[in-house]
Amino acid sequence: MATETPGDAAGLGRARAAAFTAPALLLVAAFLVLPALWTLYLGATDYRLTGLAAADPEFTGLENVRRALDEDRFTHSLGLTLQFVVGSAVLGQALLGFTIAWLLRDRTGLLRRLVEALVLLAWILPGSVVAFLWIALLDRDGGTLNTLLGTDGTAWLVEHPMASIIVFNIWRGTAFSMMLYAAAIGTVPPSHLETARLAGASPLQQLRDVVLPRIRGHILTNLLLISLWTFNDFTPFLLTGGGAGDEAEIMSVFIYKAALFDGELGYGAALSVLMLLVNLVIALVYTRLLRAREKAA
């Protein structure tokens, strides 16, 4: 029988604990660590999809990173990605998700189930199916939106590609924010809201003084997750392909084109590493805000 040691609450002992965790660690190494190391290696070479560099890539160090930072196309794509994240996730999904959760907080029955089902449906549908539906909605000839607005001939995905993918991502991703905020609002004691109501607080004052201070941690967690998901989202490519004149070429689309359309796998890998670093910066900012909130609590 294994001897229980301090810090070993399960009483398994080191050997058994290592045996239990080994399969998970091997999977993490195989599907996360090794691909990440392989991407780092590719990013430091001139590896291409075809040609001599495909058969015998040369080590180029940080040349791909320097090239990306000097290239206007990279900064243009990074700027579009930040617009996409702020517009569709931070402002769109978070605000719309909270609004729906707040309006439904006291609702029960068919109306609540119907609204939640419709919002969730957009989230659980496969990306390719959703993209096809939106192409049909925004189609220049006979699209549903043009028919409703009487604007036949307007090519929304061509003339307004950035606005189109922002609205698309708000529609598709609001469900997560709605569910998280609904759960967070449910943790606010009804007695606190009732006390505020009896004291004469308006709904907006109840929201500002009672609800928001209690769910601030949930708000930051939600913003962290939807920001990272949106930053890495590739679905807009299915709608616009990057847009005419690269007007909607967000980072994931830029990397895809560089690696597969241009055949520069090494350069694409270096761009992926830069994208990962931006993700880390976003995560660090939110993590610091969360820690600051915990210290202040």
C-alpha atoms as a PDB file:
ATOM      1  CA  MET A   1       0.000   0.000   0.000  1.00  0.00           C
ATOM      2  CA  ALA A   2       1.351   3.393  -0.990  1.00  0.00           C
ATOM      3  CA  THR A   3       2.478   5.612   1.856  1.00  0.00           C
ATOM      4  CA  GLU A   4       0.686   8.937   1.995  1.00  0.00           C
ATOM      5  CA  THR A   5       3.086  11.877   1.905  1.00  0.00           C
ATOM      6  CA  PRO A   6       2.415  15.524   2.666  1.00  0.00           C
ATOM      7  CA  GLY A   7       0.665  17.105  -0.306  1.00  0.00           C
ATOM      8  CA  ASP A   8      -0.561  13.732  -1.578  1.00  0.00           C
ATOM      9  CA  ALA A   9      -4.274  14.016  -0.786  1.00  0.00           C
ATOM     10  CA  ALA A  10      -5.248  11.021  -2.938  1.00  0.00           C
ATOM     11  CA  GLY A  11      -2.686   8.767  -1.253  1.00  0.00           C
ATOM     12  CA  LEU A  12      -1.435   7.384  -4.579  1.00  0.00           C
ATOM     13  CA  GLY A  13       2.264   7.914  -4.102  1.00  0.00           C
ATOM     14  CA  ARG A  14       4.567   9.435  -6.700  1.00  0.00           C
ATOM     15  CA  ALA A  15       4.834   6.362  -8.912  1.00  0.00           C
ATOM     16  CA  ARG A  16       1.083   5.827  -9.274  1.00  0.00           C
ATOM     17  CA  ALA A  17       0.407   9.526  -9.692  1.00  0.00           C
ATOM     18  CA  ALA A  18       3.004   9.680 -12.459  1.00  0.00           C
ATOM     19  CA  ALA A  19       1.452   6.619 -14.127  1.00  0.00           C
ATOM     20  CA  PHE A  20      -2.001   8.248 -14.104  1.00  0.00           C
ATOM     21  CA  THR A  21      -0.781  11.524 -15.569  1.00  0.00           C
ATOM     22  CA  ALA A  22       1.640  10.021 -18.107  1.00  0.00           C
ATOM     23  CA  PRO A  23      -0.966   9.384 -20.890  1.00  0.00           C
ATOM     24  CA  ALA A  24      -2.233  12.956 -20.667  1.00  0.00           C
ATOM     25  CA  LEU A  25       1.298  14.347 -20.683  1.00  0.00           C
ATOM     26  CA  LEU A  26       2.195  12.227 -23.713  1.00  0.00           C
ATOM     27  CA  LEU A  27      -0.863  13.510 -25.587  1.00  0.00           C
ATOM     28  CA  VAL A  28       0.007  17.100 -24.715  1.00  0.00           C
ATOM     29  CA  ALA A  29       3.575  16.514 -25.903  1.00  0.00           C
ATOM     30  CA  ALA A  30       2.436  14.853 -29.148  1.00  0.00           C
ATOM     31  CA  PHE A  31      -0.301  17.294 -30.139  1.00  0.00           C
ATOM     32  CA  LEU A  32       0.846  20.569 -28.573  1.00  0.00           C
ATOM     33  CA  VAL A  33       4.527  20.728 -27.627  1.00  0.00           C
ATOM     34  CA  LEU A  34       6.019  18.958 -30.656  1.00  0.00           C
ATOM     35  CA  PRO A  35       3.907  20.884 -33.257  1.00  0.00           C
ATOM     36  CA  ALA A  36       4.833  24.128 -31.487  1.00  0.00           C
ATOM     37  CA  LEU A  37       8.548  23.261 -31.594  1.00  0.00           C
ATOM     38  CA  TRP A  38       8.209  22.207 -35.252  1.00  0.00           C
ATOM     39  CA  THR A  39       6.557  25.563 -36.063  1.00  0.00           C
ATOM     40  CA  LEU A  40       9.392  27.411 -34.336  1.00  0.00           C
ATOM     41  CA  TYR A  41      11.908  25.451 -36.403  1.00  0.00           C
ATOM     42  CA  LEU A  42      10.053  26.087 -39.686  1.00  0.00           C
ATOM     43  CA  GLY A  43       9.835  29.782 -38.874  1.00  0.00           C
ATOM     44  CA  ALA A  44      13.623  29.928 -38.745  1.00  0.00           C
ATOM     45  CA  THR A  45      14.040  28.433 -42.245  1.00  0.00           C
ATOM     46  CA  ASP A  46      13.215  29.355 -45.857  1.00  0.00           C
ATOM     47  CA  TYR A  47      11.096  26.221 -46.210  1.00  0.00           C
ATOM     48  CA  ARG A  48       8.724  26.447 -49.203  1.00  0.00           C
ATOM     49  CA  LEU A  49       5.885  24.333 -50.497  1.00  0.00           C
ATOM     50  CA  THR A  50       7.640  23.589 -53.790  1.00  0.00           C
ATOM     51  CA  GLY A  51      11.059  24.011 -55.380  1.00  0.00           C
ATOM     52  CA  LEU A  52      14.568  23.507 -54.053  1.00  0.00           C
ATOM     53  CA  ALA A  53      13.750  25.068 -50.684  1.00  0.00           C
ATOM     54  CA  ALA A  54      11.101  22.385 -50.194  1.00  0.00           C
ATOM     55  CA  ALA A  55      13.656  19.605 -50.527  1.00  0.00           C
ATOM     56  CA  ASP A  56      16.539  21.290 -48.725  1.00  0.00           C
ATOM     57  CA  PRO A  57      15.427  24.255 -46.560  1.00  0.00           C
ATOM     58  CA  GLU A  58      18.140  26.502 -45.155  1.00  0.00           C
ATOM     59  CA  PHE A  59      18.312  27.938 -41.651  1.00  0.00           C
ATOM     60  CA  THR A  60      17.721  31.705 -41.816  1.00  0.00           C
ATOM     61  CA  GLY A  61      17.382  32.607 -38.127  1.00  0.00           C
ATOM     62  CA  LEU A  62      15.136  35.611 -37.492  1.00  0.00           C
ATOM     63  CA  GLU A  63      15.055  36.718 -41.134  1.00  0.00           C
ATOM     64  CA  ASN A  64      11.344  35.798 -41.526  1.00  0.00           C
ATOM     65  CA  VAL A  65      10.451  37.751 -38.373  1.00  0.00           C
ATOM     66  CA  ARG A  66      12.396  40.807 -39.550  1.00  0.00           C
ATOM     67  CA  ARG A  67      10.703  40.578 -42.937  1.00  0.00           C
ATOM     68  CA  ALA A  68       7.243  40.422 -41.355  1.00  0.00           C
ATOM     69  CA  LEU A  69       7.877  43.409 -39.093  1.00  0.00           C
ATOM     70  CA  ASP A  70       9.161  45.446 -42.062  1.00  0.00           C
ATOM     71  CA  GLU A  71       6.247  44.493 -44.276  1.00  0.00           C
ATOM     72  CA  ASP A  72       3.228  46.812 -44.513  1.00  0.00           C
ATOM     73  CA  ARG A  73       1.003  43.835 -45.229  1.00  0.00           C
ATOM     74  CA  PHE A  74       1.719  42.415 -41.758  1.00  0.00           C
ATOM     75  CA  THR A  75       0.912  45.629 -39.876  1.00  0.00           C
ATOM     76  CA  HIS A  76      -2.158  46.124 -42.087  1.00  0.00           C
ATOM     77  CA  SER A  77      -3.362  42.609 -41.249  1.00  0.00           C
ATOM     78  CA  LEU A  78      -2.639  43.057 -37.526  1.00  0.00           C
ATOM     79  CA  GLY A  79      -4.621  46.309 -37.506  1.00  0.00           C
ATOM     80  CA  LEU A  80      -7.584  44.645 -39.230  1.00  0.00           C
ATOM     81  CA  THR A  81      -7.443  41.782 -36.734  1.00  0.00           C
ATOM     82  CA  LEU A  82      -7.557  44.168 -33.784  1.00  0.00           C
ATOM     83  CA  GLN A  83     -10.536  45.925 -35.392  1.00  0.00           C
ATOM     84  CA  PHE A  84     -12.195  42.548 -35.833  1.00  0.00           C
ATOM     85  CA  VAL A  85     -11.570  41.564 -32.188  1.00  0.00           C
ATOM     86  CA  VAL A  86     -12.678  44.876 -30.678  1.00  0.00           C
ATOM     87  CA  GLY A  87     -15.683  45.328 -32.972  1.00  0.00           C
ATOM     88  CA  SER A  88     -17.090  41.830 -32.991  1.00  0.00           C
ATOM     89  CA  ALA A  89     -15.947  40.329 -29.652  1.00  0.00           C
ATOM     90  CA  VAL A  90     -15.216  43.035 -27.066  1.00  0.00           C
ATOM     91  CA  LEU A  91     -18.050  45.343 -28.134  1.00  0.00           C
ATOM     92  CA  GLY A  92     -20.393  43.128 -30.136  1.00  0.00           C
ATOM     93  CA  GLN A  93     -20.579  39.715 -28.497  1.00  0.00           C
ATOM     94  CA  ALA A  94     -19.939  40.884 -24.941  1.00  0.00           C
ATOM     95  CA  LEU A  95     -22.512  43.716 -24.983  1.00  0.00           C
ATOM     96  CA  LEU A  96     -25.166  41.815 -26.910  1.00  0.00           C
ATOM     97  CA  GLY A  97     -24.659  38.685 -24.796  1.00  0.00           C
ATOM     98  CA  PHE A  98     -24.976  40.682 -21.584  1.00  0.00           C
ATOM     99  CA  THR A  99     -28.045  42.548 -22.849  1.00  0.00           C
ATOM    100  CA  ILE A 100     -29.839  39.310 -23.723  1.00  0.00           C
ATOM    101  CA  ALA A 101     -28.879  37.701 -20.398  1.00  0.00           C
ATOM    102  CA  TRP A 102     -30.049  40.784 -18.471  1.00  0.00           C
ATOM    103  CA  LEU A 103     -33.380  41.027 -20.293  1.00  0.00           C
ATOM    104  CA  LEU A 104     -34.061  37.304 -19.817  1.00  0.00           C
ATOM    105  CA  ARG A 105     -33.032  37.152 -16.148  1.00  0.00           C
ATOM    106  CA  ASP A 106     -36.597  37.135 -14.815  1.00  0.00           C
ATOM    107  CA  ARG A 107     -38.184  35.436 -17.811  1.00  0.00           C
ATOM    108  CA  THR A 108     -39.329  31.837 -17.807  1.00  0.00           C
ATOM    109  CA  GLY A 109     -41.220  29.627 -20.186  1.00  0.00           C
ATOM    110  CA  LEU A 110     -41.426  29.531 -23.971  1.00  0.00           C
ATOM    111  CA  LEU A 111     -40.026  32.994 -24.760  1.00  0.00           C
ATOM    112  CA  ARG A 112     -36.775  32.407 -22.846  1.00  0.00           C
ATOM    113  CA  ARG A 113     -36.287  28.926 -24.276  1.00  0.00           C
ATOM    114  CA  LEU A 114     -36.976  30.178 -27.809  1.00  0.00           C
ATOM    115  CA  VAL A 115     -34.496  33.071 -27.592  1.00  0.00           C
ATOM    116  CA  GLU A 116     -31.795  30.901 -26.025  1.00  0.00           C
ATOM    117  CA  ALA A 117     -32.330  28.177 -28.637  1.00  0.00           C
ATOM    118  CA  LEU A 118     -32.011  30.634 -31.528  1.00  0.00           C
ATOM    119  CA  VAL A 119     -28.845  32.219 -30.127  1.00  0.00           C
ATOM    120  CA  LEU A 120     -27.307  28.821 -29.350  1.00  0.00           C
ATOM    121  CA  LEU A 121     -28.184  27.503 -32.812  1.00  0.00           C
ATOM    122  CA  ALA A 122     -25.899  30.065 -34.440  1.00  0.00           C
ATOM    123  CA  TRP A 123     -23.065  28.950 -32.146  1.00  0.00           C
ATOM    124  CA  ILE A 124     -23.315  25.180 -32.598  1.00  0.00           C
ATOM    125  CA  LEU A 125     -23.720  25.070 -36.378  1.00  0.00           C
ATOM    126  CA  PRO A 126     -20.551  24.060 -38.286  1.00  0.00           C
ATOM    127  CA  GLY A 127     -18.564  26.978 -39.669  1.00  0.00           C
ATOM    128  CA  SER A 128     -18.917  25.856 -43.292  1.00  0.00           C
ATOM    129  CA  VAL A 129     -22.720  25.654 -42.965  1.00  0.00           C
ATOM    130  CA  VAL A 130     -22.901  29.084 -41.321  1.00  0.00           C
ATOM    131  CA  ALA A 131     -20.685  30.585 -44.020  1.00  0.00           C
ATOM    132  CA  PHE A 132     -22.928  29.178 -46.766  1.00  0.00           C
ATOM    133  CA  LEU A 133     -26.010  30.630 -45.048  1.00  0.00           C
ATOM    134  CA  TRP A 134     -24.400  34.076 -44.823  1.00  0.00           C
ATOM    135  CA  ILE A 135     -23.254  33.979 -48.426  1.00  0.00           C
ATOM    136  CA  ALA A 136     -26.876  33.281 -49.389  1.00  0.00           C
ATOM    137  CA  LEU A 137     -28.041  36.073 -47.073  1.00  0.00           C
ATOM    138  CA  LEU A 138     -25.618  38.664 -48.482  1.00  0.00           C
ATOM    139  CA  ASP A 139     -25.551  37.530 -52.086  1.00  0.00           C
ATOM    140  CA  ARG A 140     -25.484  40.299 -54.678  1.00  0.00           C
ATOM    141  CA  ASP A 141     -28.133  38.704 -56.889  1.00  0.00           C
ATOM    142  CA  GLY A 142     -31.234  37.568 -55.057  1.00  0.00           C
ATOM    143  CA  GLY A 143     -29.705  37.617 -51.557  1.00  0.00           C
ATOM    144  CA  THR A 144     -32.142  37.723 -48.661  1.00  0.00           C
ATOM    145  CA  LEU A 145     -30.833  41.022 -47.266  1.00  0.00           C
ATOM    146  CA  ASN A 146     -30.999  42.790 -50.619  1.00  0.00           C
ATOM    147  CA  THR A 147     -34.541  41.522 -51.119  1.00  0.00           C
ATOM    148  CA  LEU A 148     -35.637  42.825 -47.705  1.00  0.00           C
ATOM    149  CA  LEU A 149     -33.937  46.213 -48.119  1.00  0.00           C
ATOM    150  CA  GLY A 150     -34.705  46.625 -51.804  1.00  0.00           C
ATOM    151  CA  THR A 151     -30.996  47.109 -52.571  1.00  0.00           C
ATOM    152  CA  ASP A 152     -30.585  44.691 -55.467  1.00  0.00           C
ATOM    153  CA  GLY A 153     -27.043  44.569 -56.813  1.00  0.00           C
ATOM    154  CA  THR A 154     -25.311  45.496 -53.554  1.00  0.00           C
ATOM    155  CA  ALA A 155     -22.395  43.113 -53.013  1.00  0.00           C
ATOM    156  CA  TRP A 156     -22.065  43.347 -49.230  1.00  0.00           C
ATOM    157  CA  LEU A 157     -19.155  40.897 -48.974  1.00  0.00           C
ATOM    158  CA  VAL A 158     -17.229  42.790 -51.659  1.00  0.00           C
ATOM    159  CA  GLU A 159     -18.114  46.404 -50.881  1.00  0.00           C
ATOM    160  CA  HIS A 160     -18.198  46.083 -47.066  1.00  0.00           C
ATOM    161  CA  PRO A 161     -16.124  42.968 -46.233  1.00  0.00           C
ATOM    162  CA  MET A 162     -14.881  44.119 -42.807  1.00  0.00           C
ATOM    163  CA  ALA A 163     -18.310  45.217 -41.597  1.00  0.00           C
ATOM    164  CA  SER A 164     -19.790  41.972 -42.927  1.00  0.00           C
ATOM    165  CA  ILE A 165     -17.430  39.685 -40.999  1.00  0.00           C
ATOM    166  CA  ILE A 166     -17.811  41.785 -37.819  1.00  0.00           C
ATOM    167  CA  VAL A 167     -21.615  41.459 -37.908  1.00  0.00           C
ATOM    168  CA  PHE A 168     -21.258  37.788 -38.836  1.00  0.00           C
ATOM    169  CA  ASN A 169     -19.001  37.071 -35.850  1.00  0.00           C
ATOM    170  CA  ILE A 170     -21.297  38.960 -33.461  1.00  0.00           C
ATOM    171  CA  TRP A 171     -24.238  36.879 -34.653  1.00  0.00           C
ATOM    172  CA  ARG A 172     -22.315  33.641 -34.420  1.00  0.00           C
ATOM    173  CA  GLY A 173     -20.474  34.053 -31.115  1.00  0.00           C
ATOM    174  CA  THR A 174     -22.942  35.845 -28.831  1.00  0.00           C
ATOM    175  CA  ALA A 175     -24.216  32.583 -27.327  1.00  0.00           C
ATOM    176  CA  PHE A 176     -21.144  32.008 -25.149  1.00  0.00           C
ATOM    177  CA  SER A 177     -21.301  35.484 -23.629  1.00  0.00           C
ATOM    178  CA  MET A 178     -25.038  35.148 -23.079  1.00  0.00           C
ATOM    179  CA  MET A 179     -24.673  31.841 -21.205  1.00  0.00           C
ATOM    180  CA  LEU A 180     -21.737  33.041 -19.104  1.00  0.00           C
ATOM    181  CA  TYR A 181     -23.448  36.302 -18.133  1.00  0.00           C
ATOM    182  CA  ALA A 182     -26.737  34.497 -17.401  1.00  0.00           C
ATOM    183  CA  ALA A 183     -24.882  32.225 -14.968  1.00  0.00           C
ATOM    184  CA  ALA A 184     -23.035  35.196 -13.445  1.00  0.00           C
ATOM    185  CA  ILE A 185     -26.213  37.248 -12.971  1.00  0.00           C
ATOM    186  CA  GLY A 186     -27.767  34.195 -11.299  1.00  0.00           C
ATOM    187  CA  THR A 187     -25.116  34.406  -8.553  1.00  0.00           C
ATOM    188  CA  VAL A 188     -26.282  37.888  -7.485  1.00  0.00           C
ATOM    189  CA  PRO A 189     -28.446  37.418  -4.373  1.00  0.00           C
ATOM    190  CA  PRO A 190     -32.042  38.475  -5.127  1.00  0.00           C
ATOM    191  CA  SER A 191     -32.166  40.104  -1.697  1.00  0.00           C
ATOM    192  CA  HIS A 192     -29.492  42.592  -2.806  1.00  0.00           C
ATOM    193  CA  LEU A 193     -31.500  43.569  -5.862  1.00  0.00           C
ATOM    194  CA  GLU A 194     -34.683  43.783  -3.784  1.00  0.00           C
ATOM    195  CA  THR A 195     -32.969  46.016  -1.236  1.00  0.00           C
ATOM    196  CA  ALA A 196     -31.724  48.309  -3.996  1.00  0.00           C
ATOM    197  CA  ARG A 197     -35.200  48.359  -5.540  1.00  0.00           C
ATOM    198  CA  LEU A 198     -36.816  49.291  -2.215  1.00  0.00           C
ATOM    199  CA  ALA A 199     -34.212  52.028  -1.792  1.00  0.00           C
ATOM    200  CA  GLY A 200     -35.477  53.535  -5.028  1.00  0.00           C
ATOM    201  CA  ALA A 201     -32.674  52.446  -7.361  1.00  0.00           C
ATOM    202  CA  SER A 202     -33.610  52.355 -11.029  1.00  0.00           C
ATOM    203  CA  PRO A 203     -32.814  49.244 -13.124  1.00  0.00           C
ATOM    204  CA  LEU A 204     -29.706  50.977 -14.472  1.00  0.00           C
ATOM    205  CA  GLN A 205     -28.572  51.898 -10.961  1.00  0.00           C
ATOM    206  CA  GLN A 206     -29.162  48.304  -9.792  1.00  0.00           C
ATOM    207  CA  LEU A 207     -27.079  47.129 -12.715  1.00  0.00           C
ATOM    208  CA  ARG A 208     -24.262  49.596 -12.028  1.00  0.00           C
ATOM    209  CA  ASP A 209     -24.121  49.402  -8.222  1.00  0.00           C
ATOM    210  CA  VAL A 210     -25.194  45.825  -7.457  1.00  0.00           C
ATOM    211  CA  VAL A 211     -24.715  43.537 -10.450  1.00  0.00           C
ATOM    212  CA  LEU A 212     -21.584  44.741 -12.248  1.00  0.00           C
ATOM    213  CA  PRO A 213     -19.332  44.847  -9.137  1.00  0.00           C
ATOM    214  CA  ARG A 214     -20.236  41.217  -8.353  1.00  0.00           C
ATOM    215  CA  ILE A 215     -19.669  39.837 -11.864  1.00  0.00           C
ATOM    216  CA  ARG A 216     -16.542  41.801 -12.795  1.00  0.00           C
ATOM    217  CA  GLY A 217     -14.451  38.628 -12.723  1.00  0.00           C
ATOM    218  CA  HIS A 218     -16.876  36.888 -15.095  1.00  0.00           C
ATOM    219  CA  ILE A 219     -16.723  39.876 -17.454  1.00  0.00           C
ATOM    220  CA  LEU A 220     -12.927  39.757 -17.624  1.00  0.00           C
ATOM    221  CA  THR A 221     -12.929  35.969 -18.103  1.00  0.00           C
ATOM    222  CA  ASN A 222     -15.451  36.282 -20.914  1.00  0.00           C
ATOM    223  CA  LEU A 223     -13.484  39.072 -22.608  1.00  0.00           C
ATOM    224  CA  LEU A 224     -10.287  37.026 -22.382  1.00  0.00           C
ATOM    225  CA  LEU A 225     -11.813  33.930 -23.984  1.00  0.00           C
ATOM    226  CA  ILE A 226     -13.792  35.609 -26.766  1.00  0.00           C
ATOM    227  CA  SER A 227     -10.863  37.909 -27.622  1.00  0.00           C
ATOM    228  CA  LEU A 228      -8.501  34.958 -28.106  1.00  0.00           C
ATOM    229  CA  TRP A 229     -11.086  32.902 -30.009  1.00  0.00           C
ATOM    230  CA  THR A 230     -11.868  35.803 -32.319  1.00  0.00           C
ATOM    231  CA  PHE A 231      -8.209  36.655 -32.849  1.00  0.00           C
ATOM    232  CA  ASN A 232      -7.576  33.105 -34.127  1.00  0.00           C
ATOM    233  CA  ASP A 233     -10.840  32.674 -36.043  1.00  0.00           C
ATOM    234  CA  PHE A 234     -10.500  31.525 -39.645  1.00  0.00           C
ATOM    235  CA  THR A 235     -14.192  31.361 -40.605  1.00  0.00           C
ATOM    236  CA  PRO A 236     -14.250  34.898 -42.160  1.00  0.00           C
ATOM    237  CA  PHE A 237     -12.034  33.512 -44.942  1.00  0.00           C
ATOM    238  CA  LEU A 238     -14.974  31.349 -46.075  1.00  0.00           C
ATOM    239  CA  LEU A 239     -17.053  34.513 -46.535  1.00  0.00           C
ATOM    240  CA  THR A 240     -14.679  37.022 -48.095  1.00  0.00           C
ATOM    241  CA  GLY A 241     -11.402  35.216 -48.854  1.00  0.00           C
ATOM    242  CA  GLY A 242      -9.704  38.270 -47.367  1.00  0.00           C
ATOM    243  CA  GLY A 243     -11.798  40.771 -49.313  1.00  0.00           C
ATOM    244  CA  ALA A 244     -11.003  42.780 -52.427  1.00  0.00           C
ATOM    245  CA  GLY A 245      -7.711  44.610 -51.909  1.00  0.00           C
ATOM    246  CA  ASP A 246      -7.154  42.617 -48.695  1.00  0.00           C
ATOM    247  CA  GLU A 247      -9.707  44.803 -46.883  1.00  0.00           C
ATOM    248  CA  ALA A 248     -10.652  41.914 -44.585  1.00  0.00           C
ATOM    249  CA  GLU A 249      -7.348  40.039 -44.493  1.00  0.00           C
ATOM    250  CA  ILE A 250      -7.114  39.320 -40.767  1.00  0.00           C
ATOM    251  CA  MET A 251      -4.073  37.506 -39.360  1.00  0.00           C
ATOM    252  CA  SER A 252      -5.341  33.945 -39.758  1.00  0.00           C
ATOM    253  CA  VAL A 253      -6.196  34.627 -43.413  1.00  0.00           C
ATOM    254  CA  PHE A 254      -2.864  36.377 -44.031  1.00  0.00           C
ATOM    255  CA  ILE A 255      -0.933  33.394 -42.642  1.00  0.00           C
ATOM    256  CA  TYR A 256      -3.003  30.940 -44.665  1.00  0.00           C
ATOM    257  CA  LYS A 257      -2.338  32.838 -47.889  1.00  0.00           C
ATOM    258  CA  ALA A 258       1.379  33.260 -47.167  1.00  0.00           C
ATOM    259  CA  ALA A 259       1.863  29.573 -46.350  1.00  0.00           C
ATOM    260  CA  LEU A 260      -0.348  27.911 -48.959  1.00  0.00           C
ATOM    261  CA  PHE A 261      -1.144  30.428 -51.721  1.00  0.00           C
ATOM    262  CA  ASP A 262       2.400  31.835 -51.872  1.00  0.00           C
ATOM    263  CA  GLY A 263       3.985  28.529 -50.832  1.00  0.00           C
ATOM    264  CA  GLU A 264       6.189  30.149 -48.155  1.00  0.00           C
ATOM    265  CA  LEU A 265       5.757  27.679 -45.317  1.00  0.00           C
ATOM    266  CA  GLY A 266       8.721  29.042 -43.352  1.00  0.00           C
ATOM    267  CA  TYR A 267       7.431  32.601 -43.537  1.00  0.00           C
ATOM    268  CA  GLY A 268       3.935  31.433 -42.615  1.00  0.00           C
ATOM    269  CA  ALA A 269       5.330  29.613 -39.571  1.00  0.00           C
ATOM    270  CA  ALA A 270       7.148  32.778 -38.455  1.00  0.00           C
ATOM    271  CA  LEU A 271       3.893  34.735 -38.795  1.00  0.00           C
ATOM    272  CA  SER A 272       2.179  32.086 -36.655  1.00  0.00           C
ATOM    273  CA  VAL A 273       4.778  32.600 -33.929  1.00  0.00           C
ATOM    274  CA  LEU A 274       4.184  36.364 -34.021  1.00  0.00           C
ATOM    275  CA  MET A 275       0.452  35.733 -33.815  1.00  0.00           C
ATOM    276  CA  LEU A 276       1.033  33.522 -30.780  1.00  0.00           C
ATOM    277  CA  LEU A 277       3.027  36.300 -29.111  1.00  0.00           C
ATOM    278  CA  VAL A 278       0.185  38.776 -29.666  1.00  0.00           C
ATOM    279  CA  ASN A 279      -2.186  36.240 -28.110  1.00  0.00           C
ATOM    280  CA  LEU A 280       0.114  35.973 -25.102  1.00  0.00           C
ATOM    281  CA  VAL A 281       0.127  39.755 -24.691  1.00  0.00           C
ATOM    282  CA  ILE A 282      -3.692  39.840 -24.753  1.00  0.00           C
ATOM    283  CA  ALA A 283      -3.841  36.997 -22.220  1.00  0.00           C
ATOM    284  CA  LEU A 284      -1.324  38.726 -19.936  1.00  0.00           C
ATOM    285  CA  VAL A 285      -3.284  41.989 -19.970  1.00  0.00           C
ATOM    286  CA  TYR A 286      -6.520  40.256 -18.953  1.00  0.00           C
ATOM    287  CA  THR A 287      -4.717  38.080 -16.373  1.00  0.00           C
ATOM    288  CA  ARG A 288      -3.192  41.160 -14.734  1.00  0.00           C
ATOM    289  CA  LEU A 289      -6.619  42.810 -14.629  1.00  0.00           C
ATOM    290  CA  LEU A 290      -8.086  39.685 -13.009  1.00  0.00           C
ATOM    291  CA  ARG A 291      -5.326  39.571 -10.396  1.00  0.00           C
ATOM    292  CA  ALA A 292      -5.733  43.255  -9.664  1.00  0.00           C
ATOM    293  CA  ARG A 293      -9.440  42.684  -9.121  1.00  0.00           C
ATOM    294  CA  GLU A 294      -8.772  39.713  -6.786  1.00  0.00           C
ATOM    295  CA  LYS A 295      -6.359  41.792  -4.706  1.00  0.00           C
ATOM    296  CA  ALA A 296      -8.835  44.628  -4.485  1.00  0.00           C
ATOM    297  CA  ALA A 297     -11.672  42.263  -3.395  1.00  0.00           C
END
